[in-house]
Amino acid sequence: MNFMRRPLIFVTNDDSYRSRGIKLLVEIMLKFGDVILVAPTTQQSGKSHSITVHDPLRYHKIVEQDNYSAYVCSGTPVDCVKIGFNILMKDRKPDLLVSGINHGSNASINTIYSGTMAAVFEGCAENIPSIGFSLDCHSAEADFNHCIEAIEKITKNVLENGLDEGVCLNVNFPEKELKGIKVCHQAKAYWNEDFVERKDPMGHSYYWLTGVYYCKDDDKSADYNVLSDGYAAITPMQVDFTAYKVIDRYKTRFEK
């Protein structure tokens, strides 16, 4: 790594600053550089790319060491990135942004709901090499030890070689044994959703969202299938949502 000084690495997540995943991610990143953590005060899973605009944002420092500072923020994961970049790091942008390690897979359709990956996309939009790490296990006591070597390998590679402009990485790990790493594409999948209705003490209805996940993609190189086979799935992603392959055809439809 050809840095005149230690790389500056920004760490965040959507599971809050208390999660086991983010604590381990900080430990790993401190092997590579100086770390600034800004993480949500409370659980923010499923917040996607939401930002706080109708309420004040607050943050405060919880750790101050020579090579590590940690802050908690009252907002969403994207709020954490914005606070970090525009207030705490306004004089020096980070060399790398990492988000996670998320408790739960962010493969396939889950990417669009993910607060973990929203932070990654925000970093990517600011031209910072950005990586999201997730484990296919929702337990608060999840074991991440089998992921450490792969996280270190991926981090070292990105610090040394960077990422293409506008491209970030979505990395998902199987719950247990890791066979290796594969680069793949986002699987075609959907949630068959349902709402469980219950009654409050006043007799009014309220609802809990639930659902069953279905993968419609038989391609072995799809992220969900790679993950199911026991490999870490690296999916290169981009902020630009433009469907370039249909632009010319749609011009003939709408520009007449």
C-alpha atoms as a PDB file:
ATOM      1  CA  MET A   1       0.000   0.000   0.000  1.00  0.00           C
ATOM      2  CA  ASN A   2       1.658   3.178  -1.208  1.00  0.00           C
ATOM      3  CA  PHE A   3       0.320   5.579   1.406  1.00  0.00           C
ATOM      4  CA  MET A   4       2.492   8.340   2.871  1.00  0.00           C
ATOM      5  CA  ARG A   5       0.527   7.758   6.070  1.00  0.00           C
ATOM      6  CA  ARG A   6      -1.817   5.059   7.287  1.00  0.00           C
ATOM      7  CA  PRO A   7      -5.029   4.821   5.263  1.00  0.00           C
ATOM      8  CA  LEU A   8      -8.094   6.427   6.826  1.00  0.00           C
ATOM      9  CA  ILE A   9     -10.995   3.983   6.949  1.00  0.00           C
ATOM     10  CA  PHE A  10     -14.617   4.911   7.641  1.00  0.00           C
ATOM     11  CA  VAL A  11     -16.783   2.240   9.306  1.00  0.00           C
ATOM     12  CA  THR A  12     -20.567   2.196   9.655  1.00  0.00           C
ATOM     13  CA  ASN A  13     -23.528  -0.206   9.615  1.00  0.00           C
ATOM     14  CA  ASP A  14     -27.303  -0.415  10.091  1.00  0.00           C
ATOM     15  CA  ASP A  15     -27.391  -2.757  13.112  1.00  0.00           C
ATOM     16  CA  SER A  16     -26.232   0.036  15.478  1.00  0.00           C
ATOM     17  CA  TYR A  17     -22.914   0.658  17.161  1.00  0.00           C
ATOM     18  CA  ARG A  18     -23.610  -2.128  19.677  1.00  0.00           C
ATOM     19  CA  SER A  19     -23.623  -4.983  17.154  1.00  0.00           C
ATOM     20  CA  ARG A  20     -21.046  -7.773  17.264  1.00  0.00           C
ATOM     21  CA  GLY A  21     -20.485  -7.420  13.518  1.00  0.00           C
ATOM     22  CA  ILE A  22     -19.337  -3.810  13.577  1.00  0.00           C
ATOM     23  CA  LYS A  23     -17.067  -4.392  16.572  1.00  0.00           C
ATOM     24  CA  LEU A  24     -15.236  -7.132  14.680  1.00  0.00           C
ATOM     25  CA  LEU A  25     -15.091  -5.027  11.513  1.00  0.00           C
ATOM     26  CA  VAL A  26     -13.366  -2.237  13.442  1.00  0.00           C
ATOM     27  CA  GLU A  27     -10.808  -4.723  14.796  1.00  0.00           C
ATOM     28  CA  ILE A  28     -10.058  -5.918  11.270  1.00  0.00           C
ATOM     29  CA  MET A  29      -9.807  -2.420   9.780  1.00  0.00           C
ATOM     30  CA  LEU A  30      -7.379  -1.277  12.483  1.00  0.00           C
ATOM     31  CA  LYS A  31      -4.885  -3.735  10.959  1.00  0.00           C
ATOM     32  CA  PHE A  32      -4.931  -1.629   7.782  1.00  0.00           C
ATOM     33  CA  GLY A  33      -5.273   1.961   8.891  1.00  0.00           C
ATOM     34  CA  ASP A  34      -6.748   4.570  11.196  1.00  0.00           C
ATOM     35  CA  VAL A  35     -10.468   4.152  11.758  1.00  0.00           C
ATOM     36  CA  ILE A  36     -13.371   6.536  12.230  1.00  0.00           C
ATOM     37  CA  LEU A  37     -16.657   4.876  13.098  1.00  0.00           C
ATOM     38  CA  VAL A  38     -20.021   6.619  12.822  1.00  0.00           C
ATOM     39  CA  ALA A  39     -22.873   4.198  13.473  1.00  0.00           C
ATOM     40  CA  PRO A  40     -26.568   4.522  14.281  1.00  0.00           C
ATOM     41  CA  THR A  41     -27.644   4.734  17.890  1.00  0.00           C
ATOM     42  CA  THR A  42     -30.466   2.255  17.266  1.00  0.00           C
ATOM     43  CA  GLN A  43     -31.285  -0.571  14.859  1.00  0.00           C
ATOM     44  CA  GLN A  44     -31.791   0.817  11.327  1.00  0.00           C
ATOM     45  CA  SER A  45     -32.227  -2.343   9.238  1.00  0.00           C
ATOM     46  CA  GLY A  46     -34.454  -1.920   6.193  1.00  0.00           C
ATOM     47  CA  LYS A  47     -33.997   1.854   6.082  1.00  0.00           C
ATOM     48  CA  SER A  48     -32.486   1.666   2.596  1.00  0.00           C
ATOM     49  CA  HIS A  49     -31.213   5.081   1.416  1.00  0.00           C
ATOM     50  CA  SER A  50     -33.468   7.140   3.682  1.00  0.00           C
ATOM     51  CA  ILE A  51     -32.151  10.361   5.211  1.00  0.00           C
ATOM     52  CA  THR A  52     -33.394  12.509   8.080  1.00  0.00           C
ATOM     53  CA  VAL A  53     -34.881  15.805   6.907  1.00  0.00           C
ATOM     54  CA  HIS A  54     -37.758  16.586   9.319  1.00  0.00           C
ATOM     55  CA  ASP A  55     -35.923  16.047  12.614  1.00  0.00           C
ATOM     56  CA  PRO A  56     -32.584  17.278  13.931  1.00  0.00           C
ATOM     57  CA  LEU A  57     -29.577  14.970  13.723  1.00  0.00           C
ATOM     58  CA  ARG A  58     -27.383  14.476  16.749  1.00  0.00           C
ATOM     59  CA  TYR A  59     -24.062  12.708  17.222  1.00  0.00           C
ATOM     60  CA  HIS A  60     -21.576  12.301  20.039  1.00  0.00           C
ATOM     61  CA  LYS A  61     -18.187  10.703  20.557  1.00  0.00           C
ATOM     62  CA  ILE A  62     -17.928   7.438  22.497  1.00  0.00           C
ATOM     63  CA  VAL A  63     -14.284   6.468  21.857  1.00  0.00           C
ATOM     64  CA  GLU A  64     -11.115   8.501  21.309  1.00  0.00           C
ATOM     65  CA  GLN A  65      -7.798   6.700  20.809  1.00  0.00           C
ATOM     66  CA  ASP A  66      -4.653   7.432  18.820  1.00  0.00           C
ATOM     67  CA  ASN A  67      -5.830   5.562  15.728  1.00  0.00           C
ATOM     68  CA  TYR A  68      -9.531   5.062  16.427  1.00  0.00           C
ATOM     69  CA  SER A  69     -12.454   7.426  16.991  1.00  0.00           C
ATOM     70  CA  ALA A  70     -16.067   6.297  17.345  1.00  0.00           C
ATOM     71  CA  TYR A  71     -19.287   8.283  17.213  1.00  0.00           C
ATOM     72  CA  VAL A  72     -22.964   7.404  17.444  1.00  0.00           C
ATOM     73  CA  CYS A  73     -25.551   9.187  15.327  1.00  0.00           C
ATOM     74  CA  SER A  74     -29.286   9.509  15.861  1.00  0.00           C
ATOM     75  CA  GLY A  75     -30.059   9.024  12.156  1.00  0.00           C
ATOM     76  CA  THR A  76     -29.932   6.397   9.423  1.00  0.00           C
ATOM     77  CA  PRO A  77     -26.833   4.736   7.944  1.00  0.00           C
ATOM     78  CA  VAL A  78     -26.759   7.314   5.143  1.00  0.00           C
ATOM     79  CA  ASP A  79     -27.043  10.085   7.734  1.00  0.00           C
ATOM     80  CA  CYS A  80     -23.990   8.549   9.425  1.00  0.00           C
ATOM     81  CA  VAL A  81     -22.008   8.768   6.197  1.00  0.00           C
ATOM     82  CA  LYS A  82     -23.096  12.343   5.552  1.00  0.00           C
ATOM     83  CA  ILE A  83     -22.241  13.436   9.108  1.00  0.00           C
ATOM     84  CA  GLY A  84     -18.918  11.647   8.835  1.00  0.00           C
ATOM     85  CA  PHE A  85     -17.898  13.056   5.470  1.00  0.00           C
ATOM     86  CA  ASN A  86     -19.198  16.602   5.904  1.00  0.00           C
ATOM     87  CA  ILE A  87     -18.468  17.316   9.564  1.00  0.00           C
ATOM     88  CA  LEU A  88     -16.019  14.856  11.099  1.00  0.00           C
ATOM     89  CA  MET A  89     -13.877  14.278   7.999  1.00  0.00           C
ATOM     90  CA  LYS A  90     -14.325  17.503   6.068  1.00  0.00           C
ATOM     91  CA  ASP A  91     -10.562  18.095   5.969  1.00  0.00           C
ATOM     92  CA  ARG A  92      -9.659  14.600   4.762  1.00  0.00           C
ATOM     93  CA  LYS A  93     -11.971  12.146   3.060  1.00  0.00           C
ATOM     94  CA  PRO A  94     -11.438   8.450   3.847  1.00  0.00           C
ATOM     95  CA  ASP A  95      -9.430   6.120   1.646  1.00  0.00           C
ATOM     96  CA  LEU A  96     -12.035   3.391   2.159  1.00  0.00           C
ATOM     97  CA  LEU A  97     -15.589   3.008   3.457  1.00  0.00           C
ATOM     98  CA  VAL A  98     -16.748  -0.324   4.878  1.00  0.00           C
ATOM     99  CA  SER A  99     -20.223  -1.122   6.156  1.00  0.00           C
ATOM    100  CA  GLY A 100     -21.244  -4.100   8.286  1.00  0.00           C
ATOM    101  CA  ILE A 101     -20.628  -6.786   9.157  1.00  0.00           C
ATOM    102  CA  ASN A 102     -24.375  -7.055   8.763  1.00  0.00           C
ATOM    103  CA  HIS A 103     -26.349  -9.618  10.737  1.00  0.00           C
ATOM    104  CA  GLY A 104     -28.284 -11.062   7.788  1.00  0.00           C
ATOM    105  CA  SER A 105     -27.756 -11.546   4.060  1.00  0.00           C
ATOM    106  CA  ASN A 106     -27.924  -8.598   1.680  1.00  0.00           C
ATOM    107  CA  ALA A 107     -27.795 -10.747  -1.443  1.00  0.00           C
ATOM    108  CA  SER A 108     -30.230 -10.400  -4.335  1.00  0.00           C
ATOM    109  CA  ILE A 109     -33.374  -8.268  -3.836  1.00  0.00           C
ATOM    110  CA  ASN A 110     -32.393  -7.564  -0.224  1.00  0.00           C
ATOM    111  CA  THR A 111     -29.853  -5.038  -1.519  1.00  0.00           C
ATOM    112  CA  ILE A 112     -32.522  -2.443  -2.280  1.00  0.00           C
ATOM    113  CA  TYR A 113     -33.889  -2.507   1.278  1.00  0.00           C
ATOM    114  CA  SER A 114     -30.532  -2.627   3.014  1.00  0.00           C
ATOM    115  CA  GLY A 115     -29.282   0.202   5.199  1.00  0.00           C
ATOM    116  CA  THR A 116     -25.885  -1.498   5.174  1.00  0.00           C
ATOM    117  CA  MET A 117     -25.643  -1.236   1.397  1.00  0.00           C
ATOM    118  CA  ALA A 118     -27.187   2.246   1.309  1.00  0.00           C
ATOM    119  CA  ALA A 119     -24.181   3.490   3.255  1.00  0.00           C
ATOM    120  CA  VAL A 120     -21.955   1.787   0.674  1.00  0.00           C
ATOM    121  CA  PHE A 121     -23.786   3.436  -2.227  1.00  0.00           C
ATOM    122  CA  GLU A 122     -23.477   6.794  -0.485  1.00  0.00           C
ATOM    123  CA  GLY A 123     -19.735   6.346  -0.180  1.00  0.00           C
ATOM    124  CA  CYS A 124     -19.543   5.248  -3.810  1.00  0.00           C
ATOM    125  CA  ALA A 125     -21.459   8.360  -4.884  1.00  0.00           C
ATOM    126  CA  GLU A 126     -18.735  10.398  -3.144  1.00  0.00           C
ATOM    127  CA  ASN A 127     -16.062   8.525  -5.157  1.00  0.00           C
ATOM    128  CA  ILE A 128     -14.789   6.650  -2.104  1.00  0.00           C
ATOM    129  CA  PRO A 129     -13.973   2.941  -2.592  1.00  0.00           C
ATOM    130  CA  SER A 130     -16.786   1.296  -0.637  1.00  0.00           C
ATOM    131  CA  ILE A 131     -17.566  -2.260   0.484  1.00  0.00           C
ATOM    132  CA  GLY A 132     -20.516  -3.816   2.285  1.00  0.00           C
ATOM    133  CA  PHE A 133     -19.983  -7.012   4.306  1.00  0.00           C
ATOM    134  CA  SER A 134     -22.899  -9.211   5.398  1.00  0.00           C
ATOM    135  CA  LEU A 135     -23.326 -12.641   7.006  1.00  0.00           C
ATOM    136  CA  ASP A 136     -26.230 -14.953   6.197  1.00  0.00           C
ATOM    137  CA  CYS A 137     -27.255 -15.148   9.849  1.00  0.00           C
ATOM    138  CA  HIS A 138     -29.562 -12.817  11.775  1.00  0.00           C
ATOM    139  CA  SER A 139     -28.533 -13.866  15.272  1.00  0.00           C
ATOM    140  CA  ALA A 140     -27.188 -11.115  17.513  1.00  0.00           C
ATOM    141  CA  GLU A 141     -24.621 -13.698  18.667  1.00  0.00           C
ATOM    142  CA  ALA A 142     -23.550 -14.658  15.128  1.00  0.00           C
ATOM    143  CA  ASP A 143     -20.060 -16.116  14.682  1.00  0.00           C
ATOM    144  CA  PHE A 144     -18.038 -14.149  12.102  1.00  0.00           C
ATOM    145  CA  ASN A 145     -14.666 -15.811  12.625  1.00  0.00           C
ATOM    146  CA  HIS A 146     -14.718 -17.755   9.346  1.00  0.00           C
ATOM    147  CA  CYS A 147     -15.105 -14.447   7.464  1.00  0.00           C
ATOM    148  CA  ILE A 148     -12.048 -12.663   8.861  1.00  0.00           C
ATOM    149  CA  GLU A 149      -9.445 -13.940   6.402  1.00  0.00           C
ATOM    150  CA  ALA A 150     -11.645 -13.145   3.385  1.00  0.00           C
ATOM    151  CA  ILE A 151     -12.458  -9.653   4.702  1.00  0.00           C
ATOM    152  CA  GLU A 152      -8.763  -8.976   5.145  1.00  0.00           C
ATOM    153  CA  LYS A 153      -7.995 -10.250   1.627  1.00  0.00           C
ATOM    154  CA  ILE A 154     -10.724  -8.117   0.024  1.00  0.00           C
ATOM    155  CA  THR A 155      -9.809  -5.024   2.043  1.00  0.00           C
ATOM    156  CA  LYS A 156      -6.118  -5.297   1.168  1.00  0.00           C
ATOM    157  CA  ASN A 157      -6.943  -5.712  -2.517  1.00  0.00           C
ATOM    158  CA  VAL A 158      -9.221  -2.668  -2.632  1.00  0.00           C
ATOM    159  CA  LEU A 159      -6.789  -0.466  -0.696  1.00  0.00           C
ATOM    160  CA  GLU A 160      -4.002  -1.399  -3.098  1.00  0.00           C
ATOM    161  CA  ASN A 161      -5.927  -1.393  -6.373  1.00  0.00           C
ATOM    162  CA  GLY A 162      -9.035   0.733  -5.749  1.00  0.00           C
ATOM    163  CA  LEU A 163     -12.353   0.216  -7.513  1.00  0.00           C
ATOM    164  CA  ASP A 164     -13.645   1.528 -10.810  1.00  0.00           C
ATOM    165  CA  GLU A 165     -15.367   4.892 -10.583  1.00  0.00           C
ATOM    166  CA  GLY A 166     -19.024   4.459  -9.697  1.00  0.00           C
ATOM    167  CA  VAL A 167     -18.548   0.825  -8.624  1.00  0.00           C
ATOM    168  CA  CYS A 168     -18.831  -0.597  -5.100  1.00  0.00           C
ATOM    169  CA  LEU A 169     -18.826  -4.135  -3.694  1.00  0.00           C
ATOM    170  CA  ASN A 170     -21.589  -6.106  -1.991  1.00  0.00           C
ATOM    171  CA  VAL A 171     -19.954  -9.022  -0.151  1.00  0.00           C
ATOM    172  CA  ASN A 172     -22.082 -11.746   1.443  1.00  0.00           C
ATOM    173  CA  PHE A 173     -20.807 -14.652   3.527  1.00  0.00           C
ATOM    174  CA  PRO A 174     -22.455 -18.010   4.266  1.00  0.00           C
ATOM    175  CA  GLU A 175     -23.351 -18.636   7.895  1.00  0.00           C
ATOM    176  CA  LYS A 176     -20.698 -21.272   8.483  1.00  0.00           C
ATOM    177  CA  GLU A 177     -17.801 -22.833   6.598  1.00  0.00           C
ATOM    178  CA  LEU A 178     -16.375 -20.715   3.767  1.00  0.00           C
ATOM    179  CA  LYS A 179     -15.215 -22.631   0.678  1.00  0.00           C
ATOM    180  CA  GLY A 180     -13.767 -19.623  -1.122  1.00  0.00           C
ATOM    181  CA  ILE A 181     -14.679 -16.382  -2.886  1.00  0.00           C
ATOM    182  CA  LYS A 182     -16.608 -15.915  -6.132  1.00  0.00           C
ATOM    183  CA  VAL A 183     -17.508 -12.780  -8.079  1.00  0.00           C
ATOM    184  CA  CYS A 184     -21.110 -12.985  -9.209  1.00  0.00           C
ATOM    185  CA  HIS A 185     -24.240 -11.123 -10.277  1.00  0.00           C
ATOM    186  CA  GLN A 186     -27.371 -10.196  -8.344  1.00  0.00           C
ATOM    187  CA  ALA A 187     -29.878 -13.036  -8.353  1.00  0.00           C
ATOM    188  CA  LYS A 188     -33.422 -12.561  -9.624  1.00  0.00           C
ATOM    189  CA  ALA A 189     -35.626 -13.062  -6.583  1.00  0.00           C
ATOM    190  CA  TYR A 190     -38.599 -11.655  -4.680  1.00  0.00           C
ATOM    191  CA  TRP A 191     -40.366 -11.706  -1.330  1.00  0.00           C
ATOM    192  CA  ASN A 192     -43.880 -13.149  -1.144  1.00  0.00           C
ATOM    193  CA  GLU A 193     -45.038 -10.731   1.531  1.00  0.00           C
ATOM    194  CA  ASP A 194     -47.761 -10.946   4.129  1.00  0.00           C
ATOM    195  CA  PHE A 195     -48.943  -8.819   7.036  1.00  0.00           C
ATOM    196  CA  VAL A 196     -49.815 -10.376  10.375  1.00  0.00           C
ATOM    197  CA  GLU A 197     -52.717  -8.465  11.930  1.00  0.00           C
ATOM    198  CA  ARG A 198     -52.968  -7.992  15.686  1.00  0.00           C
ATOM    199  CA  LYS A 199     -55.017  -5.815  18.018  1.00  0.00           C
ATOM    200  CA  ASP A 200     -53.786  -3.233  20.497  1.00  0.00           C
ATOM    201  CA  PRO A 201     -55.439  -2.831  23.946  1.00  0.00           C
ATOM    202  CA  MET A 202     -57.890  -0.332  22.425  1.00  0.00           C
ATOM    203  CA  GLY A 203     -59.026  -2.853  19.820  1.00  0.00           C
ATOM    204  CA  HIS A 204     -57.287  -1.123  16.912  1.00  0.00           C
ATOM    205  CA  SER A 205     -55.479  -3.186  14.301  1.00  0.00           C
ATOM    206  CA  TYR A 206     -51.727  -3.071  13.759  1.00  0.00           C
ATOM    207  CA  TYR A 207     -49.564  -5.130  11.445  1.00  0.00           C
ATOM    208  CA  TRP A 208     -46.216  -6.945  11.325  1.00  0.00           C
ATOM    209  CA  LEU A 209     -44.599  -7.419   7.929  1.00  0.00           C
ATOM    210  CA  THR A 210     -43.497 -10.973   7.184  1.00  0.00           C
ATOM    211  CA  GLY A 211     -42.824 -12.992   4.060  1.00  0.00           C
ATOM    212  CA  VAL A 212     -41.117 -15.880   2.307  1.00  0.00           C
ATOM    213  CA  TYR A 213     -38.086 -15.383   0.054  1.00  0.00           C
ATOM    214  CA  TYR A 214     -38.043 -16.987  -3.393  1.00  0.00           C
ATOM    215  CA  CYS A 215     -35.060 -17.107  -5.753  1.00  0.00           C
ATOM    216  CA  LYS A 216     -36.069 -17.409  -9.422  1.00  0.00           C
ATOM    217  CA  ASP A 217     -32.492 -17.517 -10.709  1.00  0.00           C
ATOM    218  CA  ASP A 218     -31.031 -20.918 -11.627  1.00  0.00           C
ATOM    219  CA  ASP A 219     -27.684 -19.446 -12.715  1.00  0.00           C
ATOM    220  CA  LYS A 220     -24.920 -20.869 -10.517  1.00  0.00           C
ATOM    221  CA  SER A 221     -23.107 -17.517 -10.671  1.00  0.00           C
ATOM    222  CA  ALA A 222     -26.035 -15.618  -9.089  1.00  0.00           C
ATOM    223  CA  ASP A 223     -25.152 -14.271  -5.647  1.00  0.00           C
ATOM    224  CA  TYR A 224     -27.850 -16.160  -3.750  1.00  0.00           C
ATOM    225  CA  ASN A 225     -26.803 -19.469  -5.293  1.00  0.00           C
ATOM    226  CA  VAL A 226     -23.098 -18.796  -4.742  1.00  0.00           C
ATOM    227  CA  LEU A 227     -23.875 -18.041  -1.094  1.00  0.00           C
ATOM    228  CA  SER A 228     -25.999 -21.176  -0.751  1.00  0.00           C
ATOM    229  CA  ASP A 229     -23.074 -23.233  -2.107  1.00  0.00           C
ATOM    230  CA  GLY A 230     -20.864 -22.027   0.740  1.00  0.00           C
ATOM    231  CA  TYR A 231     -18.845 -19.325  -1.020  1.00  0.00           C
ATOM    232  CA  ALA A 232     -18.439 -15.636  -0.267  1.00  0.00           C
ATOM    233  CA  ALA A 233     -20.359 -13.792  -2.976  1.00  0.00           C
ATOM    234  CA  ILE A 234     -18.835 -10.545  -4.252  1.00  0.00           C
ATOM    235  CA  THR A 235     -21.285  -8.592  -6.381  1.00  0.00           C
ATOM    236  CA  PRO A 236     -19.905  -5.453  -8.067  1.00  0.00           C
ATOM    237  CA  MET A 237     -22.662  -2.829  -7.970  1.00  0.00           C
ATOM    238  CA  GLN A 238     -23.145   0.726  -9.189  1.00  0.00           C
ATOM    239  CA  VAL A 239     -24.943   3.891  -8.184  1.00  0.00           C
ATOM    240  CA  ASP A 240     -26.040   4.649 -11.758  1.00  0.00           C
ATOM    241  CA  PHE A 241     -29.413   2.910 -12.172  1.00  0.00           C
ATOM    242  CA  THR A 242     -29.751   3.774 -15.855  1.00  0.00           C
ATOM    243  CA  ALA A 243     -30.934   0.864 -18.028  1.00  0.00           C
ATOM    244  CA  TYR A 244     -28.515   1.620 -20.850  1.00  0.00           C
ATOM    245  CA  LYS A 245     -29.478  -1.391 -22.941  1.00  0.00           C
ATOM    246  CA  VAL A 246     -32.960   0.015 -23.621  1.00  0.00           C
ATOM    247  CA  ILE A 247     -32.160   3.728 -24.097  1.00  0.00           C
ATOM    248  CA  ASP A 248     -32.064   3.648 -27.903  1.00  0.00           C
ATOM    249  CA  ARG A 249     -35.238   1.576 -28.141  1.00  0.00           C
ATOM    250  CA  TYR A 250     -37.075   3.899 -25.773  1.00  0.00           C
ATOM    251  CA  LYS A 251     -35.938   6.925 -27.754  1.00  0.00           C
ATOM    252  CA  THR A 252     -37.788   5.551 -30.759  1.00  0.00           C
ATOM    253  CA  ARG A 253     -40.899   5.117 -28.597  1.00  0.00           C
ATOM    254  CA  PHE A 254     -41.015   8.436 -26.778  1.00  0.00           C
ATOM    255  CA  GLU A 255     -39.079  10.983 -28.869  1.00  0.00           C
ATOM    256  CA  LYS A 256     -41.267  10.851 -31.927  1.00  0.00           C
END
